[in-house]
PDB file of N, CA and C in Angstrom:
ATOM      1  N   MET A   1       0.860  -1.177   0.000  1.00  0.00           N
ATOM      2  CA  MET A   1       0.000   0.000   0.000  1.00  0.00           C
ATOM      3  C   MET A   1       0.897   1.228   0.000  1.00  0.00           C
ATOM      4  N   GLY A   2       0.684   2.125  -0.939  1.00  0.00           N
ATOM      5  CA  GLY A   2       1.484   3.330  -1.049  1.00  0.00           C
ATOM      6  C   GLY A   2       1.089   4.369  -0.028  1.00  0.00           C
ATOM      7  N   SER A   3       1.928   5.380   0.095  1.00  0.00           N
ATOM      8  CA  SER A   3       1.661   6.419   1.088  1.00  0.00           C
ATOM      9  C   SER A   3       0.375   7.177   0.793  1.00  0.00           C
ATOM     10  N   SER A   4       0.002   7.275  -0.494  1.00  0.00           N
ATOM     11  CA  SER A   4      -1.238   7.982  -0.830  1.00  0.00           C
ATOM     12  C   SER A   4      -2.473   7.142  -0.547  1.00  0.00           C
ATOM     13  N   GLU A   5      -2.263   5.854  -0.321  1.00  0.00           N
ATOM     14  CA  GLU A   5      -3.387   4.965  -0.055  1.00  0.00           C
ATOM     15  C   GLU A   5      -3.473   4.703   1.442  1.00  0.00           C
ATOM     16  N   SER A   6      -3.758   5.733   2.192  1.00  0.00           N
ATOM     17  CA  SER A   6      -3.805   5.629   3.644  1.00  0.00           C
ATOM     18  C   SER A   6      -5.173   5.135   4.102  1.00  0.00           C
ATOM     19  N   ARG A   7      -5.321   4.995   5.371  1.00  0.00           N
ATOM     20  CA  ARG A   7      -6.581   4.555   5.976  1.00  0.00           C
ATOM     21  C   ARG A   7      -7.730   5.483   5.572  1.00  0.00           C
ATOM     22  N   ASN A   8      -7.421   6.728   5.275  1.00  0.00           N
ATOM     23  CA  ASN A   8      -8.478   7.691   4.965  1.00  0.00           C
ATOM     24  C   ASN A   8      -8.833   7.752   3.489  1.00  0.00           C
ATOM     25  N   THR A   9      -8.138   7.016   2.622  1.00  0.00           N
ATOM     26  CA  THR A   9      -8.449   7.090   1.193  1.00  0.00           C
ATOM     27  C   THR A   9      -8.888   5.737   0.668  1.00  0.00           C
ATOM     28  N   LEU A  10      -7.942   4.864   0.385  1.00  0.00           N
ATOM     29  CA  LEU A  10      -8.268   3.575  -0.213  1.00  0.00           C
ATOM     30  C   LEU A  10      -9.203   2.763   0.675  1.00  0.00           C
ATOM     31  N   ASP A  11      -8.853   2.623   1.953  1.00  0.00           N
ATOM     32  CA  ASP A  11      -9.677   1.822   2.844  1.00  0.00           C
ATOM     33  C   ASP A  11     -11.061   2.422   3.009  1.00  0.00           C
ATOM     34  N   PHE A  12     -11.164   3.740   3.013  1.00  0.00           N
ATOM     35  CA  PHE A  12     -12.474   4.379   3.118  1.00  0.00           C
ATOM     36  C   PHE A  12     -13.338   4.001   1.925  1.00  0.00           C
ATOM     37  N   ARG A  13     -12.736   3.988   0.725  1.00  0.00           N
ATOM     38  CA  ARG A  13     -13.491   3.594  -0.465  1.00  0.00           C
ATOM     39  C   ARG A  13     -13.889   2.129  -0.384  1.00  0.00           C
ATOM     40  N   GLU A  14     -12.984   1.281   0.108  1.00  0.00           N
ATOM     41  CA  GLU A  14     -13.308  -0.133   0.246  1.00  0.00           C
ATOM     42  C   GLU A  14     -14.410  -0.330   1.279  1.00  0.00           C
ATOM     43  N   LEU A  15     -14.373   0.429   2.354  1.00  0.00           N
ATOM     44  CA  LEU A  15     -15.414   0.347   3.369  1.00  0.00           C
ATOM     45  C   LEU A  15     -16.756   0.759   2.787  1.00  0.00           C
ATOM     46  N   SER A  16     -16.759   1.762   1.926  1.00  0.00           N
ATOM     47  CA  SER A  16     -17.993   2.164   1.257  1.00  0.00           C
ATOM     48  C   SER A  16     -18.521   1.026   0.404  1.00  0.00           C
ATOM     49  N   GLU A  17     -17.618   0.283  -0.226  1.00  0.00           N
ATOM     50  CA  GLU A  17     -18.031  -0.875  -1.029  1.00  0.00           C
ATOM     51  C   GLU A  17     -18.643  -1.944  -0.125  1.00  0.00           C
ATOM     52  N   LEU A  18     -18.076  -2.144   1.058  1.00  0.00           N
ATOM     53  CA  LEU A  18     -18.641  -3.111   2.002  1.00  0.00           C
ATOM     54  C   LEU A  18     -20.053  -2.711   2.408  1.00  0.00           C
ATOM     55  N   ASP A  19     -20.292  -1.411   2.534  1.00  0.00           N
ATOM     56  CA  ASP A  19     -21.620  -0.927   2.904  1.00  0.00           C
ATOM     57  C   ASP A  19     -22.667  -1.308   1.865  1.00  0.00           C
ATOM     58  N   ARG A  20     -22.246  -1.447   0.610  1.00  0.00           N
ATOM     59  CA  ARG A  20     -23.191  -1.802  -0.452  1.00  0.00           C
ATOM     60  C   ARG A  20     -23.501  -3.293  -0.478  1.00  0.00           C
ATOM     61  N   GLN A  21     -22.728  -4.090   0.253  1.00  0.00           N
ATOM     62  CA  GLN A  21     -22.961  -5.534   0.315  1.00  0.00           C
ATOM     63  C   GLN A  21     -23.978  -5.812   1.420  1.00  0.00           C
ATOM     64  N   HIS A  22     -25.236  -5.829   1.068  1.00  0.00           N
ATOM     65  CA  HIS A  22     -26.308  -5.903   2.067  1.00  0.00           C
ATOM     66  C   HIS A  22     -26.313  -7.204   2.865  1.00  0.00           C
ATOM     67  N   GLY A  23     -25.862  -8.298   2.274  1.00  0.00           N
ATOM     68  CA  GLY A  23     -25.904  -9.574   2.977  1.00  0.00           C
ATOM     69  C   GLY A  23     -24.657  -9.880   3.781  1.00  0.00           C
ATOM     70  N   LEU A  24     -23.735  -8.932   3.862  1.00  0.00           N
ATOM     71  CA  LEU A  24     -22.479  -9.163   4.566  1.00  0.00           C
ATOM     72  C   LEU A  24     -22.714  -9.146   6.076  1.00  0.00           C
ATOM     73  N   PRO A  25     -22.449 -10.270   6.748  1.00  0.00           N
ATOM     74  CA  PRO A  25     -22.649 -10.315   8.206  1.00  0.00           C
ATOM     75  C   PRO A  25     -21.719  -9.337   8.922  1.00  0.00           C
ATOM     76  N   ASP A  26     -22.164  -8.852  10.058  1.00  0.00           N
ATOM     77  CA  ASP A  26     -21.392  -7.879  10.831  1.00  0.00           C
ATOM     78  C   ASP A  26     -20.036  -8.433  11.254  1.00  0.00           C
ATOM     79  N   HIS A  27     -19.988  -9.726  11.648  1.00  0.00           N
ATOM     80  CA  HIS A  27     -18.707 -10.292  12.086  1.00  0.00           C
ATOM     81  C   HIS A  27     -17.710 -10.370  10.925  1.00  0.00           C
ATOM     82  N   THR A  28     -18.194 -10.568   9.705  1.00  0.00           N
ATOM     83  CA  THR A  28     -17.316 -10.591   8.537  1.00  0.00           C
ATOM     84  C   THR A  28     -16.759  -9.203   8.273  1.00  0.00           C
ATOM     85  N   ARG A  29     -17.608  -8.217   8.388  1.00  0.00           N
ATOM     86  CA  ARG A  29     -17.173  -6.827   8.196  1.00  0.00           C
ATOM     87  C   ARG A  29     -16.113  -6.445   9.232  1.00  0.00           C
ATOM     88  N   ARG A  30     -16.326  -6.830  10.487  1.00  0.00           N
ATOM     89  CA  ARG A  30     -15.351  -6.525  11.540  1.00  0.00           C
ATOM     90  C   ARG A  30     -14.019  -7.233  11.288  1.00  0.00           C
ATOM     91  N   LEU A  31     -14.075  -8.457  10.769  1.00  0.00           N
ATOM     92  CA  LEU A  31     -12.853  -9.194  10.457  1.00  0.00           C
ATOM     93  C   LEU A  31     -12.058  -8.485   9.359  1.00  0.00           C
ATOM     94  N   ILE A  32     -12.744  -8.018   8.325  1.00  0.00           N
ATOM     95  CA  ILE A  32     -12.085  -7.289   7.242  1.00  0.00           C
ATOM     96  C   ILE A  32     -11.449  -6.011   7.779  1.00  0.00           C
ATOM     97  N   GLU A  33     -12.177  -5.280   8.618  1.00  0.00           N
ATOM     98  CA  GLU A  33     -11.634  -4.046   9.197  1.00  0.00           C
ATOM     99  C   GLU A  33     -10.417  -4.343  10.071  1.00  0.00           C
ATOM    100  N   ALA A  34     -10.447  -5.451  10.818  1.00  0.00           N
ATOM    101  CA  ALA A  34      -9.304  -5.823  11.654  1.00  0.00           C
ATOM    102  C   ALA A  34      -8.082  -6.127  10.792  1.00  0.00           C
ATOM    103  N   CYS A  35      -8.296  -6.768   9.649  1.00  0.00           N
ATOM    104  CA  CYS A  35      -7.183  -7.041   8.734  1.00  0.00           C
ATOM    105  C   CYS A  35      -6.577  -5.744   8.230  1.00  0.00           C
ATOM    106  N   TRP A  36      -7.405  -4.766   7.908  1.00  0.00           N
ATOM    107  CA  TRP A  36      -6.890  -3.467   7.455  1.00  0.00           C
ATOM    108  C   TRP A  36      -6.067  -2.815   8.559  1.00  0.00           C
ATOM    109  N   ASP A  37      -6.547  -2.895   9.793  1.00  0.00           N
ATOM    110  CA  ASP A  37      -5.801  -2.312  10.908  1.00  0.00           C
ATOM    111  C   ASP A  37      -4.453  -3.009  11.081  1.00  0.00           C
ATOM    112  N   LEU A  38      -4.432  -4.328  10.915  1.00  0.00           N
ATOM    113  CA  LEU A  38      -3.176  -5.063  11.026  1.00  0.00           C
ATOM    114  C   LEU A  38      -2.222  -4.700   9.896  1.00  0.00           C
ATOM    115  N   ASP A  39      -2.748  -4.452   8.704  1.00  0.00           N
ATOM    116  CA  ASP A  39      -1.897  -4.002   7.596  1.00  0.00           C
ATOM    117  C   ASP A  39      -1.139  -2.744   7.996  1.00  0.00           C
ATOM    118  N   ALA A  40      -1.817  -1.809   8.630  1.00  0.00           N
ATOM    119  CA  ALA A  40      -1.185  -0.553   9.034  1.00  0.00           C
ATOM    120  C   ALA A  40      -0.175  -0.774  10.165  1.00  0.00           C
ATOM    121  N   ALA A  41      -0.474  -1.696  11.064  1.00  0.00           N
ATOM    122  CA  ALA A  41       0.393  -1.941  12.210  1.00  0.00           C
ATOM    123  C   ALA A  41       1.648  -2.734  11.836  1.00  0.00           C
ATOM    124  N   TYR A  42       1.550  -3.569  10.807  1.00  0.00           N
ATOM    125  CA  TYR A  42       2.660  -4.423  10.387  1.00  0.00           C
ATOM    126  C   TYR A  42       2.893  -4.275   8.885  1.00  0.00           C
ATOM    127  N   PRO A  43       3.446  -3.136   8.449  1.00  0.00           N
ATOM    128  CA  PRO A  43       3.602  -2.892   7.004  1.00  0.00           C
ATOM    129  C   PRO A  43       4.511  -3.903   6.305  1.00  0.00           C
ATOM    130  N   ASP A  44       5.397  -4.556   7.052  1.00  0.00           N
ATOM    131  CA  ASP A  44       6.279  -5.550   6.439  1.00  0.00           C
ATOM    132  C   ASP A  44       5.577  -6.885   6.225  1.00  0.00           C
ATOM    133  N   ARG A  45       4.355  -7.021   6.711  1.00  0.00           N
ATOM    134  CA  ARG A  45       3.593  -8.269   6.575  1.00  0.00           C
ATOM    135  C   ARG A  45       2.204  -7.996   6.015  1.00  0.00           C
ATOM    136  N   LEU A  46       2.146  -7.226   4.945  1.00  0.00           N
ATOM    137  CA  LEU A  46       0.856  -6.862   4.366  1.00  0.00           C
ATOM    138  C   LEU A  46       0.081  -8.089   3.910  1.00  0.00           C
ATOM    139  N   LEU A  47      -1.206  -8.074   4.173  1.00  0.00           N
ATOM    140  CA  LEU A  47      -2.091  -9.136   3.718  1.00  0.00           C
ATOM    141  C   LEU A  47      -2.469  -8.874   2.269  1.00  0.00           C
ATOM    142  N   THR A  48      -2.579  -9.930   1.486  1.00  0.00           N
ATOM    143  CA  THR A  48      -3.016  -9.747   0.103  1.00  0.00           C
ATOM    144  C   THR A  48      -4.525  -9.735   0.074  1.00  0.00           C
ATOM    145  N   ARG A  49      -5.064  -8.901  -0.811  1.00  0.00           N
ATOM    146  CA  ARG A  49      -6.519  -8.767  -0.888  1.00  0.00           C
ATOM    147  C   ARG A  49      -7.040  -9.453  -2.098  1.00  0.00           C
TER     148      ARG A  49
END
């Protein structure tokens, strides 16, 4: 993830996409958000999407 793709840009757009997935369970959404947080905390171990 590049410096321009911070939590406030790319992830915000992806979160908006999650909002459009009406059947997405809340626990799945929280898991995805936790993965994004871990990406930021451990940049040397980025998860592939």
